[in-house]
């Protein structure tokens, strides 16, 4: 793979990302159009649905045969939930839960 090919990949990815982020603003931005109730409903429901789907996907392979095979996962999940309930900050709760999980998996405390 040469430099031109790599640059083309980066440009296509950047333009695609920009367009997916900008499309709602282009469609519903300053035009004064009323936003469809279905779009508003999806905006309220989808973030929680995506998080639930990711949670199920992340925990689908957990085995309860040994404590070490599930304690890290559920310990980090518990910390994530508690931090989110306390501060209501999604970025903080996901970051702290992920960091705790990585520390536990890498065995820094064991």
C-alpha atoms as a PDB file:
ATOM      1  CA  UNK A   1       0.000   0.000   0.000  1.00  0.00           C
ATOM      2  CA  UNK A   2       1.501   3.313  -1.012  1.00  0.00           C
ATOM      3  CA  UNK A   3       1.081   6.813   0.391  1.00  0.00           C
ATOM      4  CA  UNK A   4      -1.576   7.840  -2.145  1.00  0.00           C
ATOM      5  CA  UNK A   5      -3.714   4.815  -1.334  1.00  0.00           C
ATOM      6  CA  UNK A   6      -3.422   5.475   2.409  1.00  0.00           C
ATOM      7  CA  UNK A   7      -4.282   9.140   1.918  1.00  0.00           C
ATOM      8  CA  UNK A   8      -7.339   8.198  -0.151  1.00  0.00           C
ATOM      9  CA  UNK A   9      -8.546   5.879   2.628  1.00  0.00           C
ATOM     10  CA  UNK A  10      -8.173   8.618   5.247  1.00  0.00           C
ATOM     11  CA  UNK A  11      -9.973  11.179   3.067  1.00  0.00           C
ATOM     12  CA  UNK A  12     -12.896   8.843   2.326  1.00  0.00           C
ATOM     13  CA  UNK A  13     -13.230   7.967   6.020  1.00  0.00           C
ATOM     14  CA  UNK A  14     -13.097  11.642   7.033  1.00  0.00           C
ATOM     15  CA  UNK A  15     -15.678  12.742   4.462  1.00  0.00           C
ATOM     16  CA  UNK A  16     -17.992   9.836   5.367  1.00  0.00           C
ATOM     17  CA  UNK A  17     -17.740  10.641   9.066  1.00  0.00           C
ATOM     18  CA  UNK A  18     -18.358  14.333   8.434  1.00  0.00           C
ATOM     19  CA  UNK A  19     -21.400  13.665   6.254  1.00  0.00           C
ATOM     20  CA  UNK A  20     -23.015  11.317   8.763  1.00  0.00           C
ATOM     21  CA  UNK A  21     -22.533  13.896  11.528  1.00  0.00           C
ATOM     22  CA  UNK A  22     -23.643  16.874   9.408  1.00  0.00           C
ATOM     23  CA  UNK A  23     -26.681  15.356   7.673  1.00  0.00           C
ATOM     24  CA  UNK A  24     -29.176  15.937  10.540  1.00  0.00           C
ATOM     25  CA  UNK A  25     -28.072  19.550  10.826  1.00  0.00           C
ATOM     26  CA  UNK A  26     -28.342  20.022   7.079  1.00  0.00           C
ATOM     27  CA  UNK A  27     -31.825  18.488   6.994  1.00  0.00           C
ATOM     28  CA  UNK A  28     -33.246  20.032  10.162  1.00  0.00           C
ATOM     29  CA  UNK A  29     -30.893  22.923  10.872  1.00  0.00           C
ATOM     30  CA  UNK A  30     -32.001  26.450  10.091  1.00  0.00           C
ATOM     31  CA  UNK A  31     -34.735  25.685   7.623  1.00  0.00           C
ATOM     32  CA  UNK A  32     -37.471  26.038  10.209  1.00  0.00           C
ATOM     33  CA  UNK A  33     -38.822  22.596   9.343  1.00  0.00           C
ATOM     34  CA  UNK A  34     -40.579  20.816  12.156  1.00  0.00           C
ATOM     35  CA  UNK A  35     -38.766  17.645  13.157  1.00  0.00           C
ATOM     36  CA  UNK A  36     -40.810  14.499  12.640  1.00  0.00           C
ATOM     37  CA  UNK A  37     -42.059  12.910  15.893  1.00  0.00           C
ATOM     38  CA  UNK A  38     -40.492   9.599  14.845  1.00  0.00           C
ATOM     39  CA  UNK A  39     -37.066  11.249  14.641  1.00  0.00           C
ATOM     40  CA  UNK A  40     -37.556  12.799  18.084  1.00  0.00           C
ATOM     41  CA  UNK A  41     -38.633   9.434  19.501  1.00  0.00           C
ATOM     42  CA  UNK A  42     -35.587   7.689  18.025  1.00  0.00           C
ATOM     43  CA  UNK A  43     -33.358  10.422  19.430  1.00  0.00           C
ATOM     44  CA  UNK A  44     -34.696   9.694  22.901  1.00  0.00           C
ATOM     45  CA  UNK A  45     -34.724   5.896  22.711  1.00  0.00           C
ATOM     46  CA  UNK A  46     -31.746   4.883  20.563  1.00  0.00           C
ATOM     47  CA  UNK A  47     -28.872   5.893  22.879  1.00  0.00           C
ATOM     48  CA  UNK A  48     -30.172   3.643  25.672  1.00  0.00           C
ATOM     49  CA  UNK A  49     -30.951   0.841  23.206  1.00  0.00           C
ATOM     50  CA  UNK A  50     -27.444   0.998  21.740  1.00  0.00           C
ATOM     51  CA  UNK A  51     -25.870   0.936  25.216  1.00  0.00           C
ATOM     52  CA  UNK A  52     -28.026  -2.063  26.217  1.00  0.00           C
ATOM     53  CA  UNK A  53     -27.051  -3.884  23.026  1.00  0.00           C
ATOM     54  CA  UNK A  54     -23.362  -3.209  23.649  1.00  0.00           C
ATOM     55  CA  UNK A  55     -23.721  -4.403  27.247  1.00  0.00           C
ATOM     56  CA  UNK A  56     -25.326  -7.672  26.165  1.00  0.00           C
ATOM     57  CA  UNK A  57     -22.680  -8.159  23.474  1.00  0.00           C
ATOM     58  CA  UNK A  58     -19.857  -7.484  25.946  1.00  0.00           C
ATOM     59  CA  UNK A  59     -21.201  -9.879  28.570  1.00  0.00           C
ATOM     60  CA  UNK A  60     -22.400 -12.690  26.286  1.00  0.00           C
ATOM     61  CA  UNK A  61     -19.188 -14.669  26.649  1.00  0.00           C
ATOM     62  CA  UNK A  62     -18.894 -14.455  30.430  1.00  0.00           C
ATOM     63  CA  UNK A  63     -18.382 -17.812  32.094  1.00  0.00           C
ATOM     64  CA  UNK A  64     -19.344 -18.411  35.714  1.00  0.00           C
ATOM     65  CA  UNK A  65     -17.038 -21.414  36.183  1.00  0.00           C
ATOM     66  CA  UNK A  66     -14.391 -19.475  38.102  1.00  0.00           C
ATOM     67  CA  UNK A  67     -14.579 -16.222  40.040  1.00  0.00           C
ATOM     68  CA  UNK A  68     -11.778 -14.637  38.013  1.00  0.00           C
ATOM     69  CA  UNK A  69     -13.631 -15.210  34.756  1.00  0.00           C
ATOM     70  CA  UNK A  70     -16.606 -13.017  35.688  1.00  0.00           C
ATOM     71  CA  UNK A  71     -15.584 -10.872  38.672  1.00  0.00           C
ATOM     72  CA  UNK A  72     -13.622  -8.366  36.554  1.00  0.00           C
ATOM     73  CA  UNK A  73     -16.491  -7.880  34.122  1.00  0.00           C
ATOM     74  CA  UNK A  74     -19.168  -7.394  36.727  1.00  0.00           C
ATOM     75  CA  UNK A  75     -16.880  -5.387  39.026  1.00  0.00           C
ATOM     76  CA  UNK A  76     -16.191  -2.886  36.270  1.00  0.00           C
ATOM     77  CA  UNK A  77     -19.879  -2.885  35.313  1.00  0.00           C
ATOM     78  CA  UNK A  78     -20.875  -2.162  38.917  1.00  0.00           C
ATOM     79  CA  UNK A  79     -18.397   0.721  39.140  1.00  0.00           C
ATOM     80  CA  UNK A  80     -19.689   2.110  35.833  1.00  0.00           C
ATOM     81  CA  UNK A  81     -23.284   1.991  37.064  1.00  0.00           C
ATOM     82  CA  UNK A  82     -22.481   3.522  40.461  1.00  0.00           C
ATOM     83  CA  UNK A  83     -20.394   6.345  38.986  1.00  0.00           C
ATOM     84  CA  UNK A  84     -23.126   7.098  36.461  1.00  0.00           C
ATOM     85  CA  UNK A  85     -25.847   7.129  39.130  1.00  0.00           C
ATOM     86  CA  UNK A  86     -23.753   9.425  41.318  1.00  0.00           C
ATOM     87  CA  UNK A  87     -22.564  11.994  38.732  1.00  0.00           C
ATOM     88  CA  UNK A  88     -24.814  11.403  35.674  1.00  0.00           C
ATOM     89  CA  UNK A  89     -21.806  11.801  33.392  1.00  0.00           C
ATOM     90  CA  UNK A  90     -21.669   9.152  30.673  1.00  0.00           C
ATOM     91  CA  UNK A  91     -18.115   9.926  29.599  1.00  0.00           C
ATOM     92  CA  UNK A  92     -16.824   9.736  33.181  1.00  0.00           C
ATOM     93  CA  UNK A  93     -18.666   6.519  34.019  1.00  0.00           C
ATOM     94  CA  UNK A  94     -17.609   4.686  30.849  1.00  0.00           C
ATOM     95  CA  UNK A  95     -14.011   5.894  31.192  1.00  0.00           C
ATOM     96  CA  UNK A  96     -13.673   4.853  34.834  1.00  0.00           C
ATOM     97  CA  UNK A  97     -15.358   1.501  34.227  1.00  0.00           C
ATOM     98  CA  UNK A  98     -13.110   0.782  31.259  1.00  0.00           C
ATOM     99  CA  UNK A  99      -9.967   1.836  33.126  1.00  0.00           C
ATOM    100  CA  UNK A 100     -10.882  -0.358  36.101  1.00  0.00           C
ATOM    101  CA  UNK A 101     -11.540  -3.303  33.804  1.00  0.00           C
ATOM    102  CA  UNK A 102      -8.201  -2.851  32.040  1.00  0.00           C
ATOM    103  CA  UNK A 103      -6.339  -2.620  35.352  1.00  0.00           C
ATOM    104  CA  UNK A 104      -8.056  -5.752  36.667  1.00  0.00           C
ATOM    105  CA  UNK A 105      -7.511  -7.752  33.479  1.00  0.00           C
ATOM    106  CA  UNK A 106      -3.850  -6.774  33.267  1.00  0.00           C
ATOM    107  CA  UNK A 107      -3.424  -8.069  36.799  1.00  0.00           C
ATOM    108  CA  UNK A 108      -1.903  -4.997  38.419  1.00  0.00           C
ATOM    109  CA  UNK A 109      -3.605  -5.860  41.708  1.00  0.00           C
ATOM    110  CA  UNK A 110      -3.095  -9.610  41.623  1.00  0.00           C
END
